[in-house]
Full PDB file with SEQRES, HELIX, SHEET, SSBOND, CRYST1, ORIGX, SCALE, CONECT and MASTER records, all heavy atoms in Angstrom:
SEQRES   1 A   29  VAL ASP TYR ILE LYS LYS MET THR LYS ASP GLY VAL PHE          
SEQRES   2 A   29  VAL GLY MET THR SER GLN CYS LEU PHE GLY ARG VAL ASN          
SEQRES   3 A   29  MET ASN VAL                                                  
HELIX    1 AA1 ASP A    2  LYS A    9  1                                   8    
CRYST1    1.000    1.000    1.000  90.00  90.00  90.00 P 1           1          
ORIGX1      1.000000  0.000000  0.000000        0.00000                         
ORIGX2      0.000000  1.000000  0.000000        0.00000                         
ORIGX3      0.000000  0.000000  1.000000        0.00000                         
SCALE1      1.000000  0.000000  0.000000        0.00000                         
SCALE2      0.000000  1.000000  0.000000        0.00000                         
SCALE3      0.000000  0.000000  1.000000        0.00000                         
ATOM      1  N   VAL A   1      -7.392   4.871  -3.562  1.00  0.00           N  
ATOM      2  CA  VAL A   1      -8.705   5.403  -3.279  1.00  0.00           C  
ATOM      3  C   VAL A   1      -9.832   4.636  -4.009  1.00  0.00           C  
ATOM      4  O   VAL A   1     -10.811   4.212  -3.404  1.00  0.00           O  
ATOM      5  CB  VAL A   1      -8.790   6.920  -3.622  1.00  0.00           C  
ATOM      6  CG1 VAL A   1     -10.248   7.409  -3.541  1.00  0.00           C  
ATOM      7  CG2 VAL A   1      -7.907   7.709  -2.640  1.00  0.00           C  
ATOM      8  N   ASP A   2      -9.691   4.473  -5.303  1.00  0.00           N  
ATOM      9  CA  ASP A   2     -10.750   3.805  -6.080  1.00  0.00           C  
ATOM     10  C   ASP A   2     -10.943   2.344  -5.640  1.00  0.00           C  
ATOM     11  O   ASP A   2     -12.056   1.842  -5.625  1.00  0.00           O  
ATOM     12  CB  ASP A   2     -10.462   3.902  -7.584  1.00  0.00           C  
ATOM     13  CG  ASP A   2     -10.647   5.289  -8.120  1.00  0.00           C  
ATOM     14  OD1 ASP A   2     -11.325   6.101  -7.467  1.00  0.00           O  
ATOM     15  OD2 ASP A   2     -10.047   5.596  -9.208  1.00  0.00           O  
ATOM     16  N   TYR A   3      -9.854   1.670  -5.344  1.00  0.00           N  
ATOM     17  CA  TYR A   3      -9.934   0.278  -4.892  1.00  0.00           C  
ATOM     18  C   TYR A   3     -10.643   0.199  -3.541  1.00  0.00           C  
ATOM     19  O   TYR A   3     -11.473  -0.721  -3.350  1.00  0.00           O  
ATOM     20  CB  TYR A   3      -8.530  -0.318  -4.776  1.00  0.00           C  
ATOM     21  CG  TYR A   3      -7.833  -0.555  -6.091  1.00  0.00           C  
ATOM     22  CD1 TYR A   3      -7.190   0.469  -6.766  1.00  0.00           C  
ATOM     23  CD2 TYR A   3      -7.804  -1.825  -6.672  1.00  0.00           C  
ATOM     24  CE1 TYR A   3      -6.546   0.243  -7.968  1.00  0.00           C  
ATOM     25  CE2 TYR A   3      -7.182  -2.069  -7.870  1.00  0.00           C  
ATOM     26  CZ  TYR A   3      -6.537  -1.017  -8.516  1.00  0.00           C  
ATOM     27  OH  TYR A   3      -5.909  -1.244  -9.723  1.00  0.00           O  
ATOM     28  N   ILE A   4     -10.317   1.130  -2.643  1.00  0.00           N  
ATOM     29  CA  ILE A   4     -10.980   1.128  -1.336  1.00  0.00           C  
ATOM     30  C   ILE A   4     -12.445   1.412  -1.478  1.00  0.00           C  
ATOM     31  O   ILE A   4     -13.304   0.809  -0.814  1.00  0.00           O  
ATOM     32  CB  ILE A   4     -10.273   2.146  -0.411  1.00  0.00           C  
ATOM     33  CG1 ILE A   4      -8.867   1.659  -0.041  1.00  0.00           C  
ATOM     34  CG2 ILE A   4     -11.116   2.368   0.838  1.00  0.00           C  
ATOM     35  CD1 ILE A   4      -8.024   2.660   0.707  1.00  0.00           C  
ATOM     36  N   LYS A   5     -12.772   2.354  -2.382  1.00  0.00           N  
ATOM     37  CA  LYS A   5     -14.182   2.682  -2.597  1.00  0.00           C  
ATOM     38  C   LYS A   5     -14.979   1.450  -3.031  1.00  0.00           C  
ATOM     39  O   LYS A   5     -16.121   1.232  -2.584  1.00  0.00           O  
ATOM     40  CB  LYS A   5     -14.269   3.785  -3.679  1.00  0.00           C  
ATOM     41  CG  LYS A   5     -15.659   4.420  -3.819  1.00  0.00           C  
ATOM     42  CD  LYS A   5     -15.635   5.551  -4.863  1.00  0.00           C  
ATOM     43  CE  LYS A   5     -14.695   6.679  -4.419  1.00  0.00           C  
ATOM     44  NZ  LYS A   5     -14.718   7.809  -5.396  1.00  0.00           N  
ATOM     45  N   LYS A   6     -14.356   0.655  -3.904  1.00  0.00           N  
ATOM     46  CA  LYS A   6     -15.030  -0.596  -4.338  1.00  0.00           C  
ATOM     47  C   LYS A   6     -15.187  -1.570  -3.185  1.00  0.00           C  
ATOM     48  O   LYS A   6     -16.237  -2.230  -3.048  1.00  0.00           O  
ATOM     49  CB  LYS A   6     -14.211  -1.241  -5.442  1.00  0.00           C  
ATOM     50  CG  LYS A   6     -14.838  -2.490  -6.040  1.00  0.00           C  
ATOM     51  CD  LYS A   6     -13.984  -3.090  -7.149  1.00  0.00           C  
ATOM     52  CE  LYS A   6     -14.614  -4.358  -7.726  1.00  0.00           C  
ATOM     53  NZ  LYS A   6     -13.760  -4.967  -8.761  1.00  0.00           N  
ATOM     54  N   MET A   7     -14.172  -1.685  -2.344  1.00  0.00           N  
ATOM     55  CA  MET A   7     -14.228  -2.607  -1.200  1.00  0.00           C  
ATOM     56  C   MET A   7     -15.336  -2.209  -0.242  1.00  0.00           C  
ATOM     57  O   MET A   7     -16.154  -3.047   0.176  1.00  0.00           O  
ATOM     58  CB  MET A   7     -12.898  -2.601  -0.420  1.00  0.00           C  
ATOM     59  CG  MET A   7     -11.732  -3.220  -1.136  1.00  0.00           C  
ATOM     60  SD  MET A   7     -10.270  -3.360  -0.067  1.00  0.00           S  
ATOM     61  CE  MET A   7     -10.622  -4.911   0.754  1.00  0.00           C  
ATOM     62  N   THR A   8     -15.377  -0.944   0.170  1.00  0.00           N  
ATOM     63  CA  THR A   8     -16.381  -0.520   1.136  1.00  0.00           C  
ATOM     64  C   THR A   8     -17.783  -0.608   0.561  1.00  0.00           C  
ATOM     65  O   THR A   8     -18.746  -0.888   1.281  1.00  0.00           O  
ATOM     66  CB  THR A   8     -16.061   0.908   1.616  1.00  0.00           C  
ATOM     67  OG1 THR A   8     -16.001   1.787   0.478  1.00  0.00           O  
ATOM     68  CG2 THR A   8     -14.737   0.963   2.365  1.00  0.00           C  
ATOM     69  N   LYS A   9     -17.910  -0.359  -0.724  1.00  0.00           N  
ATOM     70  CA  LYS A   9     -19.226  -0.479  -1.388  1.00  0.00           C  
ATOM     71  C   LYS A   9     -19.715  -1.924  -1.332  1.00  0.00           C  
ATOM     72  O   LYS A   9     -20.916  -2.181  -1.234  1.00  0.00           O  
ATOM     73  CB  LYS A   9     -19.127  -0.004  -2.838  1.00  0.00           C  
ATOM     74  CG  LYS A   9     -20.476   0.054  -3.547  1.00  0.00           C  
ATOM     75  CD  LYS A   9     -20.325   0.574  -4.964  1.00  0.00           C  
ATOM     76  CE  LYS A   9     -21.693   0.627  -5.672  1.00  0.00           C  
ATOM     77  NZ  LYS A   9     -21.583   1.155  -7.075  1.00  0.00           N  
ATOM     78  N   ASP A  10     -18.740  -2.862  -1.361  1.00  0.00           N  
ATOM     79  CA  ASP A  10     -19.095  -4.285  -1.298  1.00  0.00           C  
ATOM     80  C   ASP A  10     -19.255  -4.785   0.110  1.00  0.00           C  
ATOM     81  O   ASP A  10     -19.389  -5.996   0.352  1.00  0.00           O  
ATOM     82  CB  ASP A  10     -18.053  -5.122  -2.022  1.00  0.00           C  
ATOM     83  CG  ASP A  10     -18.128  -4.962  -3.544  1.00  0.00           C  
ATOM     84  OD1 ASP A  10     -19.107  -4.374  -4.028  1.00  0.00           O  
ATOM     85  OD2 ASP A  10     -17.182  -5.412  -4.230  1.00  0.00           O  
ATOM     86  N   GLY A  11     -19.210  -3.862   1.084  1.00  0.00           N  
ATOM     87  CA  GLY A  11     -19.444  -4.220   2.498  1.00  0.00           C  
ATOM     88  C   GLY A  11     -18.237  -4.601   3.273  1.00  0.00           C  
ATOM     89  O   GLY A  11     -18.350  -5.163   4.410  1.00  0.00           O  
ATOM     90  N   VAL A  12     -17.037  -4.338   2.784  1.00  0.00           N  
ATOM     91  CA  VAL A  12     -15.799  -4.612   3.501  1.00  0.00           C  
ATOM     92  C   VAL A  12     -15.448  -3.415   4.379  1.00  0.00           C  
ATOM     93  O   VAL A  12     -15.392  -2.279   3.895  1.00  0.00           O  
ATOM     94  CB  VAL A  12     -14.638  -4.926   2.544  1.00  0.00           C  
ATOM     95  CG1 VAL A  12     -13.348  -5.201   3.322  1.00  0.00           C  
ATOM     96  CG2 VAL A  12     -14.984  -6.137   1.678  1.00  0.00           C  
ATOM     97  N   PHE A  13     -15.217  -3.649   5.657  1.00  0.00           N  
ATOM     98  CA  PHE A  13     -14.810  -2.564   6.555  1.00  0.00           C  
ATOM     99  C   PHE A  13     -13.324  -2.281   6.329  1.00  0.00           C  
ATOM    100  O   PHE A  13     -12.484  -3.177   6.285  1.00  0.00           O  
ATOM    101  CB  PHE A  13     -15.029  -2.951   8.004  1.00  0.00           C  
ATOM    102  CG  PHE A  13     -14.514  -1.927   8.995  1.00  0.00           C  
ATOM    103  CD1 PHE A  13     -15.320  -0.853   9.365  1.00  0.00           C  
ATOM    104  CD2 PHE A  13     -13.230  -1.996   9.493  1.00  0.00           C  
ATOM    105  CE1 PHE A  13     -14.865   0.109  10.254  1.00  0.00           C  
ATOM    106  CE2 PHE A  13     -12.748  -1.061  10.390  1.00  0.00           C  
ATOM    107  CZ  PHE A  13     -13.573   0.018  10.754  1.00  0.00           C  
ATOM    108  N   VAL A  14     -12.965  -0.993   6.219  1.00  0.00           N  
ATOM    109  CA  VAL A  14     -11.578  -0.579   6.062  1.00  0.00           C  
ATOM    110  C   VAL A  14     -11.282   0.489   7.143  1.00  0.00           C  
ATOM    111  O   VAL A  14     -11.918   1.550   7.150  1.00  0.00           O  
ATOM    112  CB  VAL A  14     -11.273  -0.013   4.683  1.00  0.00           C  
ATOM    113  CG1 VAL A  14      -9.802   0.390   4.589  1.00  0.00           C  
ATOM    114  CG2 VAL A  14     -11.620  -1.029   3.594  1.00  0.00           C  
ATOM    115  N   GLY A  15     -10.373   0.165   8.049  1.00  0.00           N  
ATOM    116  CA  GLY A  15     -10.015   1.072   9.108  1.00  0.00           C  
ATOM    117  C   GLY A  15      -8.567   1.532   8.998  1.00  0.00           C  
ATOM    118  O   GLY A  15      -7.715   0.794   8.456  1.00  0.00           O  
ATOM    119  N   MET A  16      -8.273   2.737   9.495  1.00  0.00           N  
ATOM    120  CA  MET A  16      -6.923   3.287   9.380  1.00  0.00           C  
ATOM    121  C   MET A  16      -6.280   3.467  10.761  1.00  0.00           C  
ATOM    122  O   MET A  16      -6.874   4.041  11.664  1.00  0.00           O  
ATOM    123  CB  MET A  16      -6.983   4.667   8.678  1.00  0.00           C  
ATOM    124  CG  MET A  16      -5.632   5.375   8.529  1.00  0.00           C  
ATOM    125  SD  MET A  16      -4.508   4.493   7.396  1.00  0.00           S  
ATOM    126  CE  MET A  16      -5.212   4.969   5.826  1.00  0.00           C  
ATOM    127  N   THR A  17      -5.036   2.967  10.867  1.00  0.00           N  
ATOM    128  CA  THR A  17      -4.218   3.196  12.014  1.00  0.00           C  
ATOM    129  C   THR A  17      -2.892   3.801  11.512  1.00  0.00           C  
ATOM    130  O   THR A  17      -2.674   3.943  10.317  1.00  0.00           O  
ATOM    131  CB  THR A  17      -3.926   1.907  12.795  1.00  0.00           C  
ATOM    132  OG1 THR A  17      -3.246   0.989  11.942  1.00  0.00           O  
ATOM    133  CG2 THR A  17      -5.225   1.274  13.285  1.00  0.00           C  
ATOM    134  N   SER A  18      -1.981   4.130  12.435  1.00  0.00           N  
ATOM    135  CA  SER A  18      -0.739   4.738  12.051  1.00  0.00           C  
ATOM    136  C   SER A  18       0.478   3.905  12.396  1.00  0.00           C  
ATOM    137  O   SER A  18       0.549   3.301  13.473  1.00  0.00           O  
ATOM    138  CB  SER A  18      -0.580   6.125  12.673  1.00  0.00           C  
ATOM    139  OG  SER A  18       0.684   6.682  12.358  1.00  0.00           O  
ATOM    140  N   GLN A  19       1.463   3.895  11.482  1.00  0.00           N  
ATOM    141  CA  GLN A  19       2.719   3.238  11.756  1.00  0.00           C  
ATOM    142  C   GLN A  19       3.515   3.963  12.857  1.00  0.00           C  
ATOM    143  O   GLN A  19       4.447   3.381  13.441  1.00  0.00           O  
ATOM    144  CB  GLN A  19       3.562   3.196  10.475  1.00  0.00           C  
ATOM    145  CG  GLN A  19       2.976   2.417   9.351  1.00  0.00           C  
ATOM    146  CD  GLN A  19       3.705   2.551   8.044  1.00  0.00           C  
ATOM    147  OE1 GLN A  19       4.848   2.991   8.052  1.00  0.00           O  
ATOM    148  NE2 GLN A  19       3.077   2.196   6.943  1.00  0.00           N  
ATOM    149  N   CYS A  20       3.189   5.206  13.125  1.00  0.00           N  
ATOM    150  CA  CYS A  20       3.919   5.976  14.114  1.00  0.00           C  
ATOM    151  C   CYS A  20       3.727   5.452  15.517  1.00  0.00           C  
ATOM    152  O   CYS A  20       4.570   5.663  16.388  1.00  0.00           O  
ATOM    153  CB  CYS A  20       3.501   7.442  14.077  1.00  0.00           C  
ATOM    154  SG  CYS A  20       3.872   8.305  12.544  1.00  0.00           S  
ATOM    155  N   LEU A  21       2.608   4.760  15.755  1.00  0.00           N  
ATOM    156  CA  LEU A  21       2.231   4.196  17.050  1.00  0.00           C  
ATOM    157  C   LEU A  21       1.840   5.275  18.036  1.00  0.00           C  
ATOM    158  O   LEU A  21       0.736   5.312  18.542  1.00  0.00           O  
ATOM    159  CB  LEU A  21       3.338   3.327  17.632  1.00  0.00           C  
ATOM    160  CG  LEU A  21       3.792   2.143  16.748  1.00  0.00           C  
ATOM    161  CD1 LEU A  21       4.838   1.305  17.478  1.00  0.00           C  
ATOM    162  CD2 LEU A  21       2.641   1.283  16.334  1.00  0.00           C  
ATOM    163  N   PHE A  22       2.750   6.194  18.379  1.00  0.00           N  
ATOM    164  CA  PHE A  22       2.410   7.260  19.299  1.00  0.00           C  
ATOM    165  C   PHE A  22       1.650   8.350  18.532  1.00  0.00           C  
ATOM    166  O   PHE A  22       1.950   8.665  17.393  1.00  0.00           O  
ATOM    167  CB  PHE A  22       3.653   7.865  19.939  1.00  0.00           C  
ATOM    168  CG  PHE A  22       4.281   6.968  20.950  1.00  0.00           C  
ATOM    169  CD1 PHE A  22       5.323   6.107  20.619  1.00  0.00           C  
ATOM    170  CD2 PHE A  22       3.811   6.937  22.288  1.00  0.00           C  
ATOM    171  CE1 PHE A  22       5.869   5.261  21.550  1.00  0.00           C  
ATOM    172  CE2 PHE A  22       4.386   6.086  23.224  1.00  0.00           C  
ATOM    173  CZ  PHE A  22       5.403   5.247  22.855  1.00  0.00           C  
ATOM    174  N   GLY A  23       0.650   8.944  19.232  1.00  0.00           N  
ATOM    175  CA  GLY A  23      -0.206   9.905  18.580  1.00  0.00           C  
ATOM    176  C   GLY A  23      -1.457   9.240  18.056  1.00  0.00           C  
ATOM    177  O   GLY A  23      -1.727   8.061  18.299  1.00  0.00           O  
ATOM    178  N   ARG A  24      -2.265   9.985  17.278  1.00  0.00           N  
ATOM    179  CA  ARG A  24      -3.495   9.443  16.737  1.00  0.00           C  
ATOM    180  C   ARG A  24      -3.626   9.839  15.282  1.00  0.00           C  
ATOM    181  O   ARG A  24      -2.986  10.798  14.828  1.00  0.00           O  
ATOM    182  CB  ARG A  24      -4.689   9.948  17.525  1.00  0.00           C  
ATOM    183  CG  ARG A  24      -4.913  11.441  17.431  1.00  0.00           C  
ATOM    184  CD  ARG A  24      -5.887  12.012  18.458  1.00  0.00           C  
ATOM    185  NE  ARG A  24      -7.011  11.176  18.771  1.00  0.00           N  
ATOM    186  CZ  ARG A  24      -7.201  10.604  20.008  1.00  0.00           C  
ATOM    187  NH1 ARG A  24      -6.337  10.825  20.980  1.00  0.00           N  
ATOM    188  NH2 ARG A  24      -8.241   9.857  20.216  1.00  0.00           N  
ATOM    189  N   VAL A  25      -4.452   9.096  14.553  1.00  0.00           N  
ATOM    190  CA  VAL A  25      -4.658   9.445  13.149  1.00  0.00           C  
ATOM    191  C   VAL A  25      -5.591  10.660  13.081  1.00  0.00           C  
ATOM    192  O   VAL A  25      -6.440  10.876  13.926  1.00  0.00           O  
ATOM    193  CB  VAL A  25      -5.273   8.267  12.360  1.00  0.00           C  
ATOM    194  CG1 VAL A  25      -4.332   7.070  12.330  1.00  0.00           C  
ATOM    195  CG2 VAL A  25      -6.610   7.828  12.934  1.00  0.00           C  
ATOM    196  N   ASN A  26      -5.340  11.480  12.063  1.00  0.00           N  
ATOM    197  CA  ASN A  26      -6.207  12.641  11.784  1.00  0.00           C  
ATOM    198  C   ASN A  26      -6.257  12.804  10.264  1.00  0.00           C  
ATOM    199  O   ASN A  26      -5.309  13.337   9.635  1.00  0.00           O  
ATOM    200  CB  ASN A  26      -5.657  13.918  12.439  1.00  0.00           C  
ATOM    201  CG  ASN A  26      -6.587  15.090  12.288  1.00  0.00           C  
ATOM    202  OD1 ASN A  26      -7.470  15.077  11.440  1.00  0.00           O  
ATOM    203  ND2 ASN A  26      -6.372  16.128  13.078  1.00  0.00           N  
ATOM    204  N   MET A  27      -7.315  12.326   9.683  1.00  0.00           N  
ATOM    205  CA  MET A  27      -7.405  12.275   8.221  1.00  0.00           C  
ATOM    206  C   MET A  27      -8.139  13.492   7.651  1.00  0.00           C  
ATOM    207  O   MET A  27      -8.588  13.471   6.508  1.00  0.00           O  
ATOM    208  CB  MET A  27      -8.112  10.960   7.815  1.00  0.00           C  
ATOM    209  CG  MET A  27      -7.385   9.720   8.299  1.00  0.00           C  
ATOM    210  SD  MET A  27      -8.191   8.166   7.885  1.00  0.00           S  
ATOM    211  CE  MET A  27      -8.018   8.154   6.123  1.00  0.00           C  
ATOM    212  N   ASN A  28      -8.200  14.556   8.451  1.00  0.00           N  
ATOM    213  CA  ASN A  28      -8.814  15.806   8.006  1.00  0.00           C  
ATOM    214  C   ASN A  28      -7.770  16.855   7.634  1.00  0.00           C  
ATOM    215  O   ASN A  28      -8.147  17.948   7.159  1.00  0.00           O  
ATOM    216  CB  ASN A  28      -9.761  16.343   9.057  1.00  0.00           C  
ATOM    217  CG  ASN A  28     -10.912  15.392   9.338  1.00  0.00           C  
ATOM    218  OD1 ASN A  28     -11.524  14.883   8.424  1.00  0.00           O  
ATOM    219  ND2 ASN A  28     -11.179  15.158  10.611  1.00  0.00           N  
ATOM    220  N   VAL A  29      -6.507  16.564   7.887  1.00  0.00           N  
ATOM    221  CA  VAL A  29      -5.472  17.602   7.701  1.00  0.00           C  
ATOM    222  C   VAL A  29      -5.068  17.751   6.251  1.00  0.00           C  
ATOM    223  O   VAL A  29      -4.937  18.872   5.718  1.00  0.00           O  
ATOM    224  CB  VAL A  29      -4.244  17.280   8.602  1.00  0.00           C  
ATOM    225  CG1 VAL A  29      -3.101  18.297   8.333  1.00  0.00           C  
ATOM    226  CG2 VAL A  29      -4.647  17.268  10.052  1.00  0.00           C  
TER     227      VAL A  29                                                      
MASTER        0    0    0    1    0    0    0    6  226    1    0    3          
END                                                                             
């Protein structure tokens, strides 16, 4: 988390996909 926070603050885009392939990501659960 902290490393990603530093990356995005520096303007690096970070996107999340799933290894499961089928279905969709839901990062609110």
